[in-house]
Amino acid sequence: MEGLAPCRNLQAVVLRCSLPDPVRAEAIRRLALCWPRLEELVFDPIDPPPTLVGTPLARLEDLALGWSETLNMVTLMFDAREELPQAAAIRGRFKKFEVLRVGYSILPEDRVAPVAEFIAAMCVKTPQISFDGGWGDEVQYNWDAVEERVRMILQGEPAYNEEPV
């Protein structure tokens, strides 16, 4: 991707590969400096195996810091199992973010609330969260529950602290 670094007006990047490594914070910082107008970022694995480890979900904050004014769509397979920063500690905030495609990202039910709070802390409006998976209805339900909780948090609805039904 370094060959594309001089393309400062780049607005969309789509990278498809068979076994991608998790995206690192330093790589995001470098790309944000190269492509300040980026609106769409897609890292899409081709036929990912169930054992593929995704990018730590905390990298979403690095994306918000790098492209707070421009980024509106991200496709990235995440690992949502690690601890996330508390909402008050989050510095990045998306202003135009609309779509978060999580690919085949596994999301355990006990991670729905912290993931929703983390995402909501970076957004001014609820992004559409889509799961492309084939790992079962429960994972799809969990990502749907995250989107609903983000909506409730951003609208100031007190019920966001309740467990999903």
C-alpha atoms as a PDB file:
ATOM      1  CA  MET A   1       0.000   0.000   0.000  1.00  0.00           C
ATOM      2  CA  GLU A   2       2.982   2.303   0.315  1.00  0.00           C
ATOM      3  CA  GLY A   3       2.824   2.832  -3.440  1.00  0.00           C
ATOM      4  CA  LEU A   4      -0.503   4.605  -2.928  1.00  0.00           C
ATOM      5  CA  ALA A   5       0.859   6.916  -0.218  1.00  0.00           C
ATOM      6  CA  PRO A   6       1.432   9.867  -2.610  1.00  0.00           C
ATOM      7  CA  CYS A   7      -2.246   9.794  -3.673  1.00  0.00           C
ATOM      8  CA  ARG A   8      -3.313  12.457  -1.159  1.00  0.00           C
ATOM      9  CA  ASN A   9      -6.790  12.885  -2.658  1.00  0.00           C
ATOM     10  CA  LEU A  10      -7.674   9.212  -2.295  1.00  0.00           C
ATOM     11  CA  GLN A  11     -11.232   8.851  -1.002  1.00  0.00           C
ATOM     12  CA  ALA A  12     -11.719   5.074  -0.990  1.00  0.00           C
ATOM     13  CA  VAL A  13      -9.407   2.124  -0.389  1.00  0.00           C
ATOM     14  CA  VAL A  14     -10.459  -1.495  -0.845  1.00  0.00           C
ATOM     15  CA  LEU A  15      -7.965  -4.189   0.093  1.00  0.00           C
ATOM     16  CA  ARG A  16      -8.862  -7.861  -0.312  1.00  0.00           C
ATOM     17  CA  CYS A  17      -6.463 -10.574   0.759  1.00  0.00           C
ATOM     18  CA  SER A  18      -6.657 -14.164   1.907  1.00  0.00           C
ATOM     19  CA  LEU A  19      -5.211 -13.972   5.443  1.00  0.00           C
ATOM     20  CA  PRO A  20      -4.850 -10.371   6.611  1.00  0.00           C
ATOM     21  CA  ASP A  21      -2.890  -9.458   9.709  1.00  0.00           C
ATOM     22  CA  PRO A  22      -4.651  -7.322  12.298  1.00  0.00           C
ATOM     23  CA  VAL A  23      -4.377  -3.619  11.469  1.00  0.00           C
ATOM     24  CA  ARG A  24      -1.983  -1.788  13.799  1.00  0.00           C
ATOM     25  CA  ALA A  25      -2.427   1.688  15.283  1.00  0.00           C
ATOM     26  CA  GLU A  26       0.822   2.929  13.728  1.00  0.00           C
ATOM     27  CA  ALA A  27      -0.334   1.842  10.259  1.00  0.00           C
ATOM     28  CA  ILE A  28      -3.586   3.764  10.726  1.00  0.00           C
ATOM     29  CA  ARG A  29      -1.684   6.905  11.776  1.00  0.00           C
ATOM     30  CA  ARG A  30       0.582   6.672   8.705  1.00  0.00           C
ATOM     31  CA  LEU A  31      -2.349   6.121   6.344  1.00  0.00           C
ATOM     32  CA  ALA A  32      -4.286   9.036   7.844  1.00  0.00           C
ATOM     33  CA  LEU A  33      -1.347  11.346   7.137  1.00  0.00           C
ATOM     34  CA  CYS A  34      -1.115  10.087   3.543  1.00  0.00           C
ATOM     35  CA  TRP A  35      -4.829  10.118   2.759  1.00  0.00           C
ATOM     36  CA  PRO A  36      -6.487  12.941   4.711  1.00  0.00           C
ATOM     37  CA  ARG A  37      -9.671  12.864   2.582  1.00  0.00           C
ATOM     38  CA  LEU A  38     -10.420   9.156   2.979  1.00  0.00           C
ATOM     39  CA  GLU A  39     -14.153   8.400   3.197  1.00  0.00           C
ATOM     40  CA  GLU A  40     -14.256   4.606   2.773  1.00  0.00           C
ATOM     41  CA  LEU A  41     -11.801   2.055   4.114  1.00  0.00           C
ATOM     42  CA  VAL A  42     -12.323  -1.627   3.335  1.00  0.00           C
ATOM     43  CA  PHE A  43     -10.066  -4.436   4.558  1.00  0.00           C
ATOM     44  CA  ASP A  44     -11.958  -7.479   3.361  1.00  0.00           C
ATOM     45  CA  PRO A  45     -10.587 -11.001   3.897  1.00  0.00           C
ATOM     46  CA  ILE A  46     -11.297 -13.556   1.191  1.00  0.00           C
ATOM     47  CA  ASP A  47     -12.979 -16.652   2.664  1.00  0.00           C
ATOM     48  CA  PRO A  48     -11.712 -16.140   6.225  1.00  0.00           C
ATOM     49  CA  PRO A  49     -11.315 -19.274   8.324  1.00  0.00           C
ATOM     50  CA  PRO A  50     -13.173 -19.358  11.668  1.00  0.00           C
ATOM     51  CA  THR A  51      -9.792 -19.132  13.430  1.00  0.00           C
ATOM     52  CA  LEU A  52      -8.785 -15.819  11.826  1.00  0.00           C
ATOM     53  CA  VAL A  53      -8.015 -13.233  14.496  1.00  0.00           C
ATOM     54  CA  GLY A  54      -9.450  -9.847  13.675  1.00  0.00           C
ATOM     55  CA  THR A  55      -8.134  -6.378  14.355  1.00  0.00           C
ATOM     56  CA  PRO A  56      -8.678  -5.254  17.968  1.00  0.00           C
ATOM     57  CA  LEU A  57     -11.898  -3.231  18.116  1.00  0.00           C
ATOM     58  CA  ALA A  58      -9.977  -0.484  19.940  1.00  0.00           C
ATOM     59  CA  ARG A  59      -8.387   0.386  16.557  1.00  0.00           C
ATOM     60  CA  LEU A  60     -11.737   1.954  15.662  1.00  0.00           C
ATOM     61  CA  GLU A  61     -10.740   4.875  17.895  1.00  0.00           C
ATOM     62  CA  ASP A  62      -7.521   5.270  15.897  1.00  0.00           C
ATOM     63  CA  LEU A  63      -9.649   5.477  12.745  1.00  0.00           C
ATOM     64  CA  ALA A  64     -11.805   8.149  14.409  1.00  0.00           C
ATOM     65  CA  LEU A  65      -8.698  10.116  15.372  1.00  0.00           C
ATOM     66  CA  GLY A  66      -7.212   9.849  11.880  1.00  0.00           C
ATOM     67  CA  TRP A  67     -10.306  10.593   9.815  1.00  0.00           C
ATOM     68  CA  SER A  68     -12.806  12.247  12.164  1.00  0.00           C
ATOM     69  CA  GLU A  69     -13.979  14.708   9.511  1.00  0.00           C
ATOM     70  CA  THR A  70     -14.186  12.431   6.471  1.00  0.00           C
ATOM     71  CA  LEU A  71     -14.544   8.691   7.166  1.00  0.00           C
ATOM     72  CA  ASN A  72     -18.102   7.444   6.687  1.00  0.00           C
ATOM     73  CA  MET A  73     -17.652   3.702   6.032  1.00  0.00           C
ATOM     74  CA  VAL A  74     -15.335   1.037   7.414  1.00  0.00           C
ATOM     75  CA  THR A  75     -15.200  -2.653   6.610  1.00  0.00           C
ATOM     76  CA  LEU A  76     -12.920  -4.575   8.918  1.00  0.00           C
ATOM     77  CA  MET A  77     -13.006  -7.884  10.752  1.00  0.00           C
ATOM     78  CA  PHE A  78     -12.709  -7.082  14.452  1.00  0.00           C
ATOM     79  CA  ASP A  79     -11.760  -8.922  17.609  1.00  0.00           C
ATOM     80  CA  ALA A  80     -14.152  -7.537  20.216  1.00  0.00           C
ATOM     81  CA  ARG A  81     -12.981  -9.686  23.128  1.00  0.00           C
ATOM     82  CA  GLU A  82     -10.382  -7.327  24.609  1.00  0.00           C
ATOM     83  CA  GLU A  83     -11.024  -4.609  27.161  1.00  0.00           C
ATOM     84  CA  LEU A  84     -12.074  -1.318  25.613  1.00  0.00           C
ATOM     85  CA  PRO A  85     -11.436   2.225  26.829  1.00  0.00           C
ATOM     86  CA  GLN A  86     -14.185   3.790  28.925  1.00  0.00           C
ATOM     87  CA  ALA A  87     -16.397   6.214  27.001  1.00  0.00           C
ATOM     88  CA  ALA A  88     -15.018   9.222  28.909  1.00  0.00           C
ATOM     89  CA  ALA A  89     -11.455   8.353  27.848  1.00  0.00           C
ATOM     90  CA  ILE A  90     -12.186   8.184  24.114  1.00  0.00           C
ATOM     91  CA  ARG A  91     -10.628  11.055  22.173  1.00  0.00           C
ATOM     92  CA  GLY A  92     -11.639  10.263  18.579  1.00  0.00           C
ATOM     93  CA  ARG A  93     -15.072  11.176  17.265  1.00  0.00           C
ATOM     94  CA  PHE A  94     -16.505  10.465  13.820  1.00  0.00           C
ATOM     95  CA  LYS A  95     -18.524  13.336  12.373  1.00  0.00           C
ATOM     96  CA  LYS A  96     -19.790  11.613   9.195  1.00  0.00           C
ATOM     97  CA  PHE A  97     -19.652   7.931  10.108  1.00  0.00           C
ATOM     98  CA  GLU A  98     -22.574   5.967   8.613  1.00  0.00           C
ATOM     99  CA  VAL A  99     -21.637   2.309   8.037  1.00  0.00           C
ATOM    100  CA  LEU A 100     -19.584  -0.184  10.045  1.00  0.00           C
ATOM    101  CA  ARG A 101     -19.269  -3.509   8.266  1.00  0.00           C
ATOM    102  CA  VAL A 102     -17.791  -6.017  10.696  1.00  0.00           C
ATOM    103  CA  GLY A 103     -17.446  -8.894   8.248  1.00  0.00           C
ATOM    104  CA  TYR A 104     -17.239 -12.206  10.094  1.00  0.00           C
ATOM    105  CA  SER A 105     -16.379 -10.673  13.478  1.00  0.00           C
ATOM    106  CA  ILE A 106     -17.423 -12.902  16.343  1.00  0.00           C
ATOM    107  CA  LEU A 107     -19.178 -11.039  19.156  1.00  0.00           C
ATOM    108  CA  PRO A 108     -19.995 -12.905  22.367  1.00  0.00           C
ATOM    109  CA  GLU A 109     -23.234 -11.847  24.048  1.00  0.00           C
ATOM    110  CA  ASP A 110     -21.416 -10.569  27.141  1.00  0.00           C
ATOM    111  CA  ARG A 111     -19.541  -8.038  24.954  1.00  0.00           C
ATOM    112  CA  VAL A 112     -22.657  -6.351  23.481  1.00  0.00           C
ATOM    113  CA  ALA A 113     -22.942  -3.594  26.114  1.00  0.00           C
ATOM    114  CA  PRO A 114     -19.257  -2.569  26.291  1.00  0.00           C
ATOM    115  CA  VAL A 115     -18.920  -2.649  22.490  1.00  0.00           C
ATOM    116  CA  ALA A 116     -22.043  -0.501  22.065  1.00  0.00           C
ATOM    117  CA  GLU A 117     -20.817   2.035  24.627  1.00  0.00           C
ATOM    118  CA  PHE A 118     -17.417   2.185  22.910  1.00  0.00           C
ATOM    119  CA  ILE A 119     -18.911   2.743  19.451  1.00  0.00           C
ATOM    120  CA  ALA A 120     -21.464   5.277  20.702  1.00  0.00           C
ATOM    121  CA  ALA A 121     -18.706   7.336  22.337  1.00  0.00           C
ATOM    122  CA  MET A 122     -17.144   7.902  18.905  1.00  0.00           C
ATOM    123  CA  CYS A 123     -20.262   8.670  16.863  1.00  0.00           C
ATOM    124  CA  VAL A 124     -22.614  11.618  16.494  1.00  0.00           C
ATOM    125  CA  LYS A 125     -25.246   9.422  14.843  1.00  0.00           C
ATOM    126  CA  THR A 126     -25.932   5.695  14.860  1.00  0.00           C
ATOM    127  CA  PRO A 127     -23.974   3.848  12.195  1.00  0.00           C
ATOM    128  CA  GLN A 128     -25.539   0.951  10.364  1.00  0.00           C
ATOM    129  CA  ILE A 129     -23.663  -2.111  11.632  1.00  0.00           C
ATOM    130  CA  SER A 130     -23.630  -5.085   9.302  1.00  0.00           C
ATOM    131  CA  PHE A 131     -22.356  -8.606   9.864  1.00  0.00           C
ATOM    132  CA  ASP A 132     -21.592 -10.692   6.769  1.00  0.00           C
ATOM    133  CA  GLY A 133     -21.134 -13.840   8.704  1.00  0.00           C
ATOM    134  CA  GLY A 134     -21.843 -17.420   8.398  1.00  0.00           C
ATOM    135  CA  TRP A 135     -21.183 -18.217  12.056  1.00  0.00           C
ATOM    136  CA  GLY A 136     -24.838 -18.328  13.084  1.00  0.00           C
ATOM    137  CA  ASP A 137     -27.846 -16.261  13.993  1.00  0.00           C
ATOM    138  CA  GLU A 138     -26.621 -15.556  17.532  1.00  0.00           C
ATOM    139  CA  VAL A 139     -23.652 -13.523  16.288  1.00  0.00           C
ATOM    140  CA  GLN A 140     -25.908 -11.605  13.883  1.00  0.00           C
ATOM    141  CA  TYR A 141     -28.308 -10.924  16.760  1.00  0.00           C
ATOM    142  CA  ASN A 142     -25.463  -9.673  18.962  1.00  0.00           C
ATOM    143  CA  TRP A 143     -24.294  -7.160  16.314  1.00  0.00           C
ATOM    144  CA  ASP A 144     -27.918  -6.072  15.773  1.00  0.00           C
ATOM    145  CA  ALA A 145     -28.173  -5.565  19.545  1.00  0.00           C
ATOM    146  CA  VAL A 146     -25.021  -3.409  19.465  1.00  0.00           C
ATOM    147  CA  GLU A 147     -26.533  -1.174  16.771  1.00  0.00           C
ATOM    148  CA  GLU A 148     -29.772  -0.831  18.754  1.00  0.00           C
ATOM    149  CA  ARG A 149     -27.895   0.005  21.970  1.00  0.00           C
ATOM    150  CA  VAL A 150     -25.772   2.595  20.151  1.00  0.00           C
ATOM    151  CA  ARG A 151     -28.979   4.194  18.855  1.00  0.00           C
ATOM    152  CA  MET A 152     -30.481   4.248  22.342  1.00  0.00           C
ATOM    153  CA  ILE A 153     -27.325   5.713  23.895  1.00  0.00           C
ATOM    154  CA  LEU A 154     -27.066   8.457  21.287  1.00  0.00           C
ATOM    155  CA  GLN A 155     -30.746   9.322  21.662  1.00  0.00           C
ATOM    156  CA  GLY A 156     -30.362   9.483  25.431  1.00  0.00           C
ATOM    157  CA  GLU A 157     -32.817   6.681  26.136  1.00  0.00           C
ATOM    158  CA  PRO A 158     -32.318   5.371  29.690  1.00  0.00           C
ATOM    159  CA  ALA A 159     -33.164   1.779  28.710  1.00  0.00           C
ATOM    160  CA  TYR A 160     -29.754   1.282  27.119  1.00  0.00           C
ATOM    161  CA  ASN A 161     -28.506  -0.091  30.446  1.00  0.00           C
ATOM    162  CA  GLU A 162     -31.022  -2.926  30.345  1.00  0.00           C
ATOM    163  CA  GLU A 163     -30.104  -6.307  28.958  1.00  0.00           C
ATOM    164  CA  PRO A 164     -31.327  -6.995  25.401  1.00  0.00           C
ATOM    165  CA  VAL A 165     -34.577  -8.952  25.205  1.00  0.00           C
END
